[in-house]
Amino acid sequence: MKVTKYAHACLVLEQDGQKLVIDPGGYTPHFGNVHNVVGIVITHVHADHFDPAHIARILADNPDVHVWTTAEVAQQLGNPPVTIVQGGADAQAGPFAMRFFGDEHASIHDRFPQWQNVGVLVNDALYYPGDSFTVPAGESVQALALPVSAPWLKIGEAIDFVEAVHPAQCFPTHNALLSDIGQASVDDWMQPVCEKAGIRYQLLQPGQSIVL
């Protein structure tokens, strides 16, 4: 399975000539061509993860595409078939077997709503938590898409999270808010932590891929 990381928090997974798109949001200006998309996962309603214009572009080329998401996102979707998922749900989109974890967005402040959020484990290989630190309990994770910058996040929490999940490898995501200096600082914190734990840490630039 090929995993391509695009700007901020969008991932495109490819296997057997088919694609699964995760979180095509407004901070991601492009994420390659949209041919042969069999499914879309939207972890939560925030605009950096969910852009209706991106969904429309995918639909134009893949009219039968199915979406898995939260109830809050489903209320804003029009045409595509949608399945509302919560932690504990399983689903299949072409060659992609999905398992969902968690139900809530990480807290920013108690004056803001507690938004819905689901993390997703794909093909028992890639785990992406959305905007949360939900650990996929009992699962062995090959690769973790690790959030490293957000209003709800501090680097110590990201360190605790990667150690709790303990994947074979991880790459930083949710990082559009970082300057080059900021990303280098994150890498300086995360790299030695991961190396000490036996986890491969790799920065992927937008459009770069790993194969699982």
Foldseek 3Di string as FASTA:
>chain_A
DKWADAAFAWIWDDDPRAIEIFQPADRGPDADQLARYQEYEQFFDDRRRDDVVVVVRNCVRVVAHEYEYAPVVVVVDDRYHYDYDAAQDWDDGPPKTKHKHHFWAQDLDPVDDTTTGIWIDIPLEETEGHRDLTAPPPGAYAEYAQEQDDSRDDLVSSLVSCLRNVHQEYEYHNDNVDDPVRVVVSCVVNVVSCVVSNYHYDYHYGGDIDDD
